[in-house]
């Protein structure tokens, strides 16, 4: 089932759609969602963030000196005297180096809305019966799960599970509580090697049984860093709600 869900989440990150008059996750049950509703949830909703980061790995660079992911269009001149090719500047600022950008979608896939969208997609495509989708959608999630999928997953190809897990975490805005990842699932291509997506798992409760994301938290940040790919996505919890309430 996990494989079916992750495979269904690999929709094109280049798809751009306009907001509908109303949000499908609030205006109608998932049994009535069509392709447009599904795409909206998976690409343009509070649970899905499209981000761009400097693709240092395409130029042989690393994360040092690379503009912060929060400001992907920023660039810096690192030459000692501000000159070009060893020449001193003449007063005119040198042309800023163009840093290639990589596009990723970061999705909060443990939410029932996203899971319902993936399951409904399988129903619409004729790969699953609606009654089976409803049964799967009702199953509780024991962890929070955040997925990364992008047009260039090269930085993740050689990384092992421990390295990825150690460098992924959530940070709540109000309490500044850091929640470390406890595992990662790989979604691979037909060759069994190519990484197409990654799903990070985070605990819902602490060892003492308290919620890791308190009910009064409004925002949470997701961070992942590996091989020069510094990914950061901000989720507004106050907007991550459906007709049943908060949905993480």
Protein backbone atom coordinates (compact mmCIF):
# COMPACT_ATOMS: atom_id res chain seq x y z
CA UNK A 1 0.00 0.00 0.00
CA UNK A 2 2.87 2.37 0.79
CA UNK A 3 4.25 1.74 -2.69
CA UNK A 4 0.85 2.54 -4.25
CA UNK A 5 0.59 5.79 -2.26
CA UNK A 6 4.10 6.95 -3.06
CA UNK A 7 3.76 6.07 -6.73
CA UNK A 8 0.56 8.08 -6.90
CA UNK A 9 2.35 11.11 -5.49
CA UNK A 10 4.75 11.36 -8.44
CA UNK A 11 2.70 13.90 -10.36
CA UNK A 12 4.53 16.41 -12.55
CA UNK A 13 6.08 19.21 -10.49
CA UNK A 14 5.83 21.48 -13.54
CA UNK A 15 2.03 21.44 -13.55
CA UNK A 16 0.54 24.86 -12.81
CA UNK A 17 -3.17 25.25 -12.11
CA UNK A 18 -5.39 28.09 -10.99
CA UNK A 19 -7.18 28.09 -7.64
CA UNK A 20 -10.80 27.03 -7.92
CA UNK A 21 -13.63 29.08 -6.47
CA UNK A 22 -13.68 26.78 -3.43
CA UNK A 23 -11.32 24.24 -1.90
CA UNK A 24 -12.41 20.68 -2.80
CA UNK A 25 -11.24 19.29 0.56
CA UNK A 26 -13.85 21.49 2.25
CA UNK A 27 -16.58 21.77 -0.36
CA UNK A 28 -17.21 18.11 -1.24
CA UNK A 29 -16.36 14.56 -0.11
CA UNK A 30 -13.37 12.90 -1.72
CA UNK A 31 -15.65 10.40 -3.46
CA UNK A 32 -16.64 13.30 -5.76
CA UNK A 33 -13.18 14.66 -6.52
CA UNK A 34 -12.18 14.78 -10.18
CA UNK A 35 -8.76 15.08 -11.81
CA UNK A 36 -8.70 18.86 -11.35
CA UNK A 37 -9.44 18.56 -7.64
CA UNK A 38 -6.74 15.93 -7.22
CA UNK A 39 -4.12 18.02 -9.00
CA UNK A 40 -5.01 21.04 -6.92
CA UNK A 41 -4.47 19.12 -3.68
CA UNK A 42 -1.19 17.56 -4.78
CA UNK A 43 0.36 20.68 -6.35
CA UNK A 44 -1.38 23.80 -5.03
CA UNK A 45 -2.71 23.36 -1.51
CA UNK A 46 -1.58 23.97 2.09
CA UNK A 47 -0.14 20.43 2.10
CA UNK A 48 2.00 20.87 -1.04
CA UNK A 49 4.82 23.36 -1.48
CA UNK A 50 6.67 23.95 -4.76
CA UNK A 51 10.14 25.28 -4.03
CA UNK A 52 13.35 26.06 -5.90
CA UNK A 53 16.85 25.62 -4.52
CA UNK A 54 20.33 26.33 -5.94
CA UNK A 55 21.46 23.19 -7.78
CA UNK A 56 25.09 23.25 -6.61
CA UNK A 57 25.53 19.62 -7.64
CA UNK A 58 25.13 20.51 -11.34
CA UNK A 59 28.21 22.73 -11.26
CA UNK A 60 30.39 20.55 -9.07
CA UNK A 61 29.89 22.85 -6.10
CA UNK A 62 28.66 22.17 -2.61
CA UNK A 63 26.42 23.92 -0.13
CA UNK A 64 29.12 26.37 0.96
CA UNK A 65 28.59 29.79 -0.56
CA UNK A 66 25.32 28.78 -2.17
CA UNK A 67 22.45 31.28 -1.71
CA UNK A 68 19.99 30.38 1.04
CA UNK A 69 17.07 28.25 -0.24
CA UNK A 70 14.68 30.81 1.23
CA UNK A 71 15.95 33.33 -1.32
CA UNK A 72 16.76 31.21 -4.38
CA UNK A 73 17.36 34.17 -6.71
CA UNK A 74 20.05 35.69 -4.51
CA UNK A 75 23.65 35.53 -5.69
CA UNK A 76 26.99 36.68 -4.39
CA UNK A 77 30.36 37.64 -5.83
CA UNK A 78 33.02 35.68 -3.98
CA UNK A 79 36.11 37.07 -5.77
CA UNK A 80 38.50 38.71 -3.28
CA UNK A 81 38.62 42.11 -5.00
CA UNK A 82 35.30 42.13 -6.81
CA UNK A 83 37.08 41.75 -10.13
CA UNK A 84 36.67 39.30 -13.00
CA UNK A 85 39.34 36.77 -14.02
CA UNK A 86 41.89 38.29 -11.65
CA UNK A 87 41.35 41.88 -12.83
CA UNK A 88 40.47 44.58 -10.38
CA UNK A 89 37.08 46.19 -10.64
CA UNK A 90 36.64 49.45 -12.51
CA UNK A 91 33.71 50.66 -10.46
CA UNK A 92 31.03 48.65 -12.27
CA UNK A 93 29.64 45.67 -10.42
CA UNK A 94 30.53 42.34 -12.06
CA UNK A 95 27.76 40.25 -13.52
CA UNK A 96 26.29 37.99 -10.86
CA UNK A 97 26.96 34.31 -11.53
CA UNK A 98 23.87 32.41 -12.55
CA UNK A 99 23.20 29.54 -10.20
CA UNK A 100 21.08 26.76 -11.75
CA UNK A 101 17.84 26.11 -9.90
CA UNK A 102 16.20 22.77 -9.13
CA UNK A 103 12.47 22.47 -8.51
CA UNK A 104 11.01 20.22 -5.82
CA UNK A 105 7.56 19.56 -4.42
CA UNK A 106 7.44 18.99 -0.67
CA UNK A 107 4.18 17.32 0.44
CA UNK A 108 2.75 16.51 3.86
CA UNK A 109 1.62 13.07 2.75
CA UNK A 110 0.42 11.70 6.08
CA UNK A 111 -2.61 14.00 5.93
CA UNK A 112 -5.93 12.37 5.14
CA UNK A 113 -6.59 14.95 2.38
CA UNK A 114 -3.43 13.99 0.48
CA UNK A 115 -3.99 10.28 1.06
CA UNK A 116 -7.58 10.63 -0.13
CA UNK A 117 -6.39 12.47 -3.23
CA UNK A 118 -3.93 9.70 -4.09
CA UNK A 119 -6.50 6.97 -3.48
CA UNK A 120 -9.17 8.84 -5.43
CA UNK A 121 -6.69 9.19 -8.30
CA UNK A 122 -6.35 5.40 -8.37
CA UNK A 123 -10.14 5.07 -8.45
CA UNK A 124 -10.53 7.58 -11.29
CA UNK A 125 -7.82 5.74 -13.24
CA UNK A 126 -9.60 2.42 -12.72
CA UNK A 127 -6.84 0.89 -10.57
CA UNK A 128 -8.89 0.69 -7.37
CA UNK A 129 -12.49 0.35 -6.29
CA UNK A 130 -14.03 3.24 -4.38
CA UNK A 131 -14.95 1.06 -1.40
CA UNK A 132 -11.32 -0.07 -1.10
CA UNK A 133 -10.15 3.54 -1.30
CA UNK A 134 -12.51 4.52 1.51
CA UNK A 135 -11.23 1.66 3.68
CA UNK A 136 -7.60 2.64 3.13
CA UNK A 137 -8.34 6.33 3.72
CA UNK A 138 -9.82 5.54 7.14
CA UNK A 139 -6.65 3.83 8.37
CA UNK A 140 -4.78 5.97 10.94
CA UNK A 141 -1.23 7.18 10.33
CA UNK A 142 1.16 6.46 13.20
CA UNK A 143 3.73 9.03 12.05
CA UNK A 144 3.91 12.35 10.25
CA UNK A 145 5.25 11.82 6.76
CA UNK A 146 6.74 14.43 4.41
CA UNK A 147 7.65 13.60 0.82
CA UNK A 148 10.18 15.20 -1.53
CA UNK A 149 9.88 14.74 -5.30
CA UNK A 150 11.65 16.79 -7.94
CA UNK A 151 12.84 17.15 -11.51
CA UNK A 152 16.43 16.42 -10.48
CA UNK A 153 16.90 13.91 -7.66
CA UNK A 154 20.63 13.41 -8.27
CA UNK A 155 21.71 14.58 -4.77
CA UNK A 156 19.72 11.74 -3.22
CA UNK A 157 21.03 8.95 -5.46
CA UNK A 158 24.07 8.04 -3.43
CA UNK A 159 22.75 8.88 0.02
CA UNK A 160 21.91 6.08 2.43
CA UNK A 161 18.99 5.98 4.84
CA UNK A 162 20.98 7.04 7.88
CA UNK A 163 22.53 10.06 6.20
CA UNK A 164 19.16 11.24 4.93
CA UNK A 165 17.42 10.64 8.25
CA UNK A 166 20.10 12.44 10.26
CA UNK A 167 19.75 15.56 8.12
CA UNK A 168 15.95 15.88 8.06
CA UNK A 169 13.82 17.47 10.76
CA UNK A 170 10.79 19.61 11.56
CA UNK A 171 10.84 22.80 13.65
CA UNK A 172 7.68 24.23 15.21
CA UNK A 173 7.51 28.01 15.01
CA UNK A 174 6.02 28.84 18.40
CA UNK A 175 7.92 26.47 20.69
CA UNK A 176 10.97 26.06 18.43
CA UNK A 177 10.73 22.34 19.10
CA UNK A 178 12.94 20.32 16.80
CA UNK A 179 11.55 16.96 15.67
CA UNK A 180 14.12 14.68 14.07
CA UNK A 181 13.24 12.19 11.34
CA UNK A 182 13.02 8.55 12.42
CA UNK A 183 13.17 6.96 8.99
CA UNK A 184 12.91 7.46 5.24
CA UNK A 185 11.27 5.46 2.45
CA UNK A 186 12.72 5.40 -1.06
CA UNK A 187 10.48 5.40 -4.12
CA UNK A 188 12.64 4.00 -6.92
CA UNK A 189 12.23 3.78 -10.67
CA UNK A 190 11.70 0.64 -12.77
CA UNK A 191 15.42 -0.10 -12.66
CA UNK A 192 15.24 -0.45 -8.88
CA UNK A 193 18.05 2.06 -8.41
CA UNK A 194 16.96 5.51 -9.54
CA UNK A 195 15.47 7.54 -6.68
CA UNK A 196 12.21 9.18 -7.75
CA UNK A 197 10.94 10.36 -4.37
CA UNK A 198 11.67 10.22 -0.65
CA UNK A 199 9.20 10.06 2.23
CA UNK A 200 10.52 11.07 5.67
CA UNK A 201 8.81 9.86 8.83
CA UNK A 202 8.55 11.91 12.05
CA UNK A 203 7.09 10.84 15.41
CA UNK A 204 3.66 12.11 16.36
CA UNK A 205 4.30 11.70 20.09
CA UNK A 206 7.22 12.10 22.45
CA UNK A 207 8.47 9.33 24.72
CA UNK A 208 6.18 10.71 27.45
CA UNK A 209 3.14 10.55 25.16
CA UNK A 210 2.82 14.26 24.38
CA UNK A 211 2.08 15.52 20.88
CA UNK A 212 5.26 16.54 19.06
CA UNK A 213 3.27 19.29 17.29
CA UNK A 214 1.05 20.94 19.88
CA UNK A 215 -2.52 21.92 19.08
CA UNK A 216 -1.70 25.63 19.38
CA UNK A 217 1.12 25.56 16.82
CA UNK A 218 0.37 27.58 13.68
CA UNK A 219 3.43 26.87 11.54
CA UNK A 220 6.07 24.20 11.12
CA UNK A 221 9.23 24.19 8.99
CA UNK A 222 10.61 21.15 7.17
CA UNK A 223 14.35 20.90 6.55
CA UNK A 224 16.44 18.42 4.60
CA UNK A 225 20.07 18.74 3.58
CA UNK A 226 22.20 16.29 1.61
CA UNK A 227 24.90 16.62 -1.05
CA UNK A 228 24.32 20.34 -1.56
CA UNK A 229 20.53 20.07 -1.79
CA UNK A 230 19.29 22.28 1.05
CA UNK A 231 15.52 21.99 1.06
CA UNK A 232 13.27 24.07 3.29
CA UNK A 233 9.49 24.29 3.21
CA UNK A 234 7.12 26.15 5.51
CA UNK A 235 3.70 24.71 6.29
CA UNK A 236 0.86 26.79 7.73
CA UNK A 237 -0.87 24.37 10.08
CA UNK A 238 -3.77 26.79 10.55
CA UNK A 239 -4.66 26.23 6.88
CA UNK A 240 -4.12 22.48 6.87
CA UNK A 241 -7.70 21.65 7.71
CA UNK A 242 -10.59 19.87 6.05
CA UNK A 243 -14.20 19.45 7.12
CA UNK A 244 -13.03 17.23 10.00
CA UNK A 245 -10.51 19.68 11.43
CA UNK A 246 -6.71 19.83 11.60
CA UNK A 247 -5.15 17.43 9.17
CA UNK A 248 -1.52 16.44 9.58
